[in-house]
Amino acid sequence: MTDTRGHVMVVDDDDSIREVATLALELVGGWRVTTAGDGPAAIDAVRDARPDVVLLDVMMPGMDGITTLARLREVPGAAEVPVVLMTAKAATGEEPEWQGLDILGVIAKPFDPMTLAARVAELLDARGADR
């Protein structure tokens, strides 16, 4: 049995990634999940959704994840929402392009659906310990 952890917004242009992440976060982790298929949809949805954390794909057509992150930081009430980047590009999050960004962490894709919820919780718990 899982307790509801909170609310996650998953932003990814790939329908299957959004579906797997949603199932993993809801069924395994007990999270409530909102999804968006691109950056503009995420920016529109974050105002109403008020997520506790955003999982944001780095490589999306049109508005990429880094641009979406910058725009999310401009949304009143969403500027402080923790963001975790999801990318097939790197596993460590130590890449120079992510240094200095206001992110909680990086999750490599493909991710393990059975550990995704725990990884998100771990990143949030670590953030709380740093405060």
C-alpha atoms as a PDB file:
ATOM      1  CA  MET A   1       0.000   0.000   0.000  1.00  0.00           C
ATOM      2  CA  THR A   2       1.317   3.440  -0.916  1.00  0.00           C
ATOM      3  CA  ASP A   3       0.531   6.807   0.580  1.00  0.00           C
ATOM      4  CA  THR A   4      -0.074   9.700  -1.762  1.00  0.00           C
ATOM      5  CA  ARG A   5       3.234  11.518  -1.997  1.00  0.00           C
ATOM      6  CA  GLY A   6       2.119  14.594  -3.847  1.00  0.00           C
ATOM      7  CA  HIS A   7       1.619  15.860  -7.354  1.00  0.00           C
ATOM      8  CA  VAL A   8       4.026  15.393 -10.268  1.00  0.00           C
ATOM      9  CA  MET A   9       3.781  16.986 -13.699  1.00  0.00           C
ATOM     10  CA  VAL A  10       5.424  14.909 -16.444  1.00  0.00           C
ATOM     11  CA  VAL A  11       6.384  16.906 -19.543  1.00  0.00           C
ATOM     12  CA  ASP A  12       7.510  14.819 -22.518  1.00  0.00           C
ATOM     13  CA  ASP A  13       6.688  14.872 -26.227  1.00  0.00           C
ATOM     14  CA  ASP A  14       6.651  11.042 -26.358  1.00  0.00           C
ATOM     15  CA  ASP A  15       3.219   9.603 -25.519  1.00  0.00           C
ATOM     16  CA  SER A  16       4.691   6.283 -24.383  1.00  0.00           C
ATOM     17  CA  ILE A  17       7.153   7.957 -21.995  1.00  0.00           C
ATOM     18  CA  ARG A  18       4.317   9.998 -20.461  1.00  0.00           C
ATOM     19  CA  GLU A  19       2.181   6.865 -20.107  1.00  0.00           C
ATOM     20  CA  VAL A  20       4.924   4.738 -18.528  1.00  0.00           C
ATOM     21  CA  ALA A  21       5.959   7.554 -16.195  1.00  0.00           C
ATOM     22  CA  THR A  22       2.348   8.157 -15.167  1.00  0.00           C
ATOM     23  CA  LEU A  23       1.739   4.482 -14.399  1.00  0.00           C
ATOM     24  CA  ALA A  24       5.029   4.184 -12.526  1.00  0.00           C
ATOM     25  CA  LEU A  25       4.451   7.296 -10.443  1.00  0.00           C
ATOM     26  CA  GLU A  26       0.797   6.567  -9.670  1.00  0.00           C
ATOM     27  CA  LEU A  27       0.855   2.803  -9.145  1.00  0.00           C
ATOM     28  CA  VAL A  28       4.304   2.325  -7.659  1.00  0.00           C
ATOM     29  CA  GLY A  29       4.790   5.660  -5.949  1.00  0.00           C
ATOM     30  CA  GLY A  30       1.315   6.840  -5.023  1.00  0.00           C
ATOM     31  CA  TRP A  31       1.793  10.206  -6.736  1.00  0.00           C
ATOM     32  CA  ARG A  32      -0.944  12.191  -8.455  1.00  0.00           C
ATOM     33  CA  VAL A  33       0.187  12.920 -12.023  1.00  0.00           C
ATOM     34  CA  THR A  34      -0.569  15.625 -14.571  1.00  0.00           C
ATOM     35  CA  THR A  35       1.005  15.422 -18.027  1.00  0.00           C
ATOM     36  CA  ALA A  36       1.883  17.812 -20.825  1.00  0.00           C
ATOM     37  CA  GLY A  37       3.119  16.931 -24.309  1.00  0.00           C
ATOM     38  CA  ASP A  38       5.289  19.991 -24.877  1.00  0.00           C
ATOM     39  CA  GLY A  39       6.688  23.126 -23.280  1.00  0.00           C
ATOM     40  CA  PRO A  40       3.823  25.502 -24.090  1.00  0.00           C
ATOM     41  CA  ALA A  41       1.264  23.001 -22.718  1.00  0.00           C
ATOM     42  CA  ALA A  42       3.333  22.646 -19.537  1.00  0.00           C
ATOM     43  CA  ILE A  43       3.492  26.406 -19.056  1.00  0.00           C
ATOM     44  CA  ASP A  44      -0.276  26.663 -19.494  1.00  0.00           C
ATOM     45  CA  ALA A  45      -0.993  23.687 -17.217  1.00  0.00           C
ATOM     46  CA  VAL A  46       1.386  24.546 -14.368  1.00  0.00           C
ATOM     47  CA  ARG A  47      -0.751  27.524 -13.366  1.00  0.00           C
ATOM     48  CA  ASP A  48      -3.754  25.301 -12.631  1.00  0.00           C
ATOM     49  CA  ALA A  49      -2.013  22.045 -11.756  1.00  0.00           C
ATOM     50  CA  ARG A  50       0.244  23.457  -9.030  1.00  0.00           C
ATOM     51  CA  PRO A  51       2.543  20.397  -9.022  1.00  0.00           C
ATOM     52  CA  ASP A  52       5.015  19.647  -6.234  1.00  0.00           C
ATOM     53  CA  VAL A  53       7.632  18.700  -8.829  1.00  0.00           C
ATOM     54  CA  VAL A  54       7.989  18.761 -12.630  1.00  0.00           C
ATOM     55  CA  LEU A  55       9.735  16.004 -14.606  1.00  0.00           C
ATOM     56  CA  LEU A  56      10.850  17.775 -17.775  1.00  0.00           C
ATOM     57  CA  ASP A  57      12.197  16.177 -20.955  1.00  0.00           C
ATOM     58  CA  VAL A  58      15.266  18.008 -22.257  1.00  0.00           C
ATOM     59  CA  MET A  59      14.891  17.244 -25.963  1.00  0.00           C
ATOM     60  CA  MET A  60      11.475  18.216 -27.313  1.00  0.00           C
ATOM     61  CA  PRO A  61      10.586  19.699 -30.701  1.00  0.00           C
ATOM     62  CA  GLY A  62       9.688  23.368 -30.786  1.00  0.00           C
ATOM     63  CA  MET A  63      10.382  24.548 -27.250  1.00  0.00           C
ATOM     64  CA  ASP A  64      13.075  22.358 -25.671  1.00  0.00           C
ATOM     65  CA  GLY A  65      13.276  21.528 -21.985  1.00  0.00           C
ATOM     66  CA  ILE A  66      15.858  24.176 -21.115  1.00  0.00           C
ATOM     67  CA  THR A  67      13.724  26.924 -22.686  1.00  0.00           C
ATOM     68  CA  THR A  68      10.629  25.474 -20.994  1.00  0.00           C
ATOM     69  CA  LEU A  69      12.458  25.562 -17.647  1.00  0.00           C
ATOM     70  CA  ALA A  70      13.271  29.250 -18.136  1.00  0.00           C
ATOM     71  CA  ARG A  71       9.641  30.013 -19.011  1.00  0.00           C
ATOM     72  CA  LEU A  72       8.318  28.010 -16.058  1.00  0.00           C
ATOM     73  CA  ARG A  73      10.481  30.146 -13.772  1.00  0.00           C
ATOM     74  CA  GLU A  74       8.587  33.214 -15.055  1.00  0.00           C
ATOM     75  CA  VAL A  75       5.132  31.827 -14.168  1.00  0.00           C
ATOM     76  CA  PRO A  76       3.768  33.431 -10.986  1.00  0.00           C
ATOM     77  CA  GLY A  77       3.425  30.772  -8.306  1.00  0.00           C
ATOM     78  CA  ALA A  78       5.483  28.237 -10.255  1.00  0.00           C
ATOM     79  CA  ALA A  79       8.927  29.812 -10.009  1.00  0.00           C
ATOM     80  CA  GLU A  80       9.808  27.742  -6.937  1.00  0.00           C
ATOM     81  CA  VAL A  81       8.477  24.391  -8.202  1.00  0.00           C
ATOM     82  CA  PRO A  82      11.366  21.902  -8.267  1.00  0.00           C
ATOM     83  CA  VAL A  83      12.245  20.630 -11.745  1.00  0.00           C
ATOM     84  CA  VAL A  84      13.951  17.345 -12.596  1.00  0.00           C
ATOM     85  CA  LEU A  85      15.307  17.042 -16.119  1.00  0.00           C
ATOM     86  CA  MET A  86      14.782  13.753 -17.950  1.00  0.00           C
ATOM     87  CA  THR A  87      17.157  12.981 -20.781  1.00  0.00           C
ATOM     88  CA  ALA A  88      18.566  10.187 -22.888  1.00  0.00           C
ATOM     89  CA  LYS A  89      21.572  12.427 -23.442  1.00  0.00           C
ATOM     90  CA  ALA A  90      23.331  11.929 -20.113  1.00  0.00           C
ATOM     91  CA  ALA A  91      23.180   9.819 -17.016  1.00  0.00           C
ATOM     92  CA  THR A  92      24.972  12.003 -14.499  1.00  0.00           C
ATOM     93  CA  GLY A  93      23.598  15.497 -14.762  1.00  0.00           C
ATOM     94  CA  GLU A  94      27.157  16.795 -14.534  1.00  0.00           C
ATOM     95  CA  GLU A  95      27.203  18.097 -18.105  1.00  0.00           C
ATOM     96  CA  PRO A  96      28.281  21.742 -18.395  1.00  0.00           C
ATOM     97  CA  GLU A  97      24.991  22.770 -20.030  1.00  0.00           C
ATOM     98  CA  TRP A  98      23.156  21.889 -16.795  1.00  0.00           C
ATOM     99  CA  GLN A  99      25.620  23.504 -14.414  1.00  0.00           C
ATOM    100  CA  GLY A 100      24.087  26.546 -12.794  1.00  0.00           C
ATOM    101  CA  LEU A 101      20.531  25.702 -13.842  1.00  0.00           C
ATOM    102  CA  ASP A 102      17.894  25.824 -11.145  1.00  0.00           C
ATOM    103  CA  ILE A 103      17.109  22.085 -11.238  1.00  0.00           C
ATOM    104  CA  LEU A 104      16.628  19.449  -8.593  1.00  0.00           C
ATOM    105  CA  GLY A 105      18.446  16.747 -10.556  1.00  0.00           C
ATOM    106  CA  VAL A 106      18.611  14.673 -13.721  1.00  0.00           C
ATOM    107  CA  ILE A 107      17.011  11.305 -14.454  1.00  0.00           C
ATOM    108  CA  ALA A 108      18.437   9.334 -17.355  1.00  0.00           C
ATOM    109  CA  LYS A 109      16.126   7.852 -19.972  1.00  0.00           C
ATOM    110  CA  PRO A 110      15.257   5.149 -20.361  1.00  0.00           C
ATOM    111  CA  PHE A 111      14.360   5.113 -16.674  1.00  0.00           C
ATOM    112  CA  ASP A 112      13.350   2.080 -14.648  1.00  0.00           C
ATOM    113  CA  PRO A 113       9.582   2.395 -14.047  1.00  0.00           C
ATOM    114  CA  MET A 114       9.886   0.435 -10.807  1.00  0.00           C
ATOM    115  CA  THR A 115      12.344   2.944  -9.299  1.00  0.00           C
ATOM    116  CA  LEU A 116      11.167   6.232 -10.864  1.00  0.00           C
ATOM    117  CA  ALA A 117       8.884   7.203  -7.980  1.00  0.00           C
ATOM    118  CA  ALA A 118      11.570   6.409  -5.417  1.00  0.00           C
ATOM    119  CA  ARG A 119      14.130   8.467  -7.367  1.00  0.00           C
ATOM    120  CA  VAL A 120      11.810  11.478  -7.482  1.00  0.00           C
ATOM    121  CA  ALA A 121      11.114  11.147  -3.752  1.00  0.00           C
ATOM    122  CA  GLU A 122      14.861  10.811  -3.078  1.00  0.00           C
ATOM    123  CA  LEU A 123      15.603  14.032  -4.990  1.00  0.00           C
ATOM    124  CA  LEU A 124      12.856  15.900  -3.129  1.00  0.00           C
ATOM    125  CA  ASP A 125      13.957  14.512   0.240  1.00  0.00           C
ATOM    126  CA  ALA A 126      17.563  15.549  -0.462  1.00  0.00           C
ATOM    127  CA  ARG A 127      16.335  19.038  -1.335  1.00  0.00           C
ATOM    128  CA  GLY A 128      14.465  19.241   1.953  1.00  0.00           C
ATOM    129  CA  ALA A 129      17.595  18.180   3.851  1.00  0.00           C
ATOM    130  CA  ASP A 130      19.590  20.956   2.157  1.00  0.00           C
ATOM    131  CA  ARG A 131      17.201  23.684   3.288  1.00  0.00           C
END
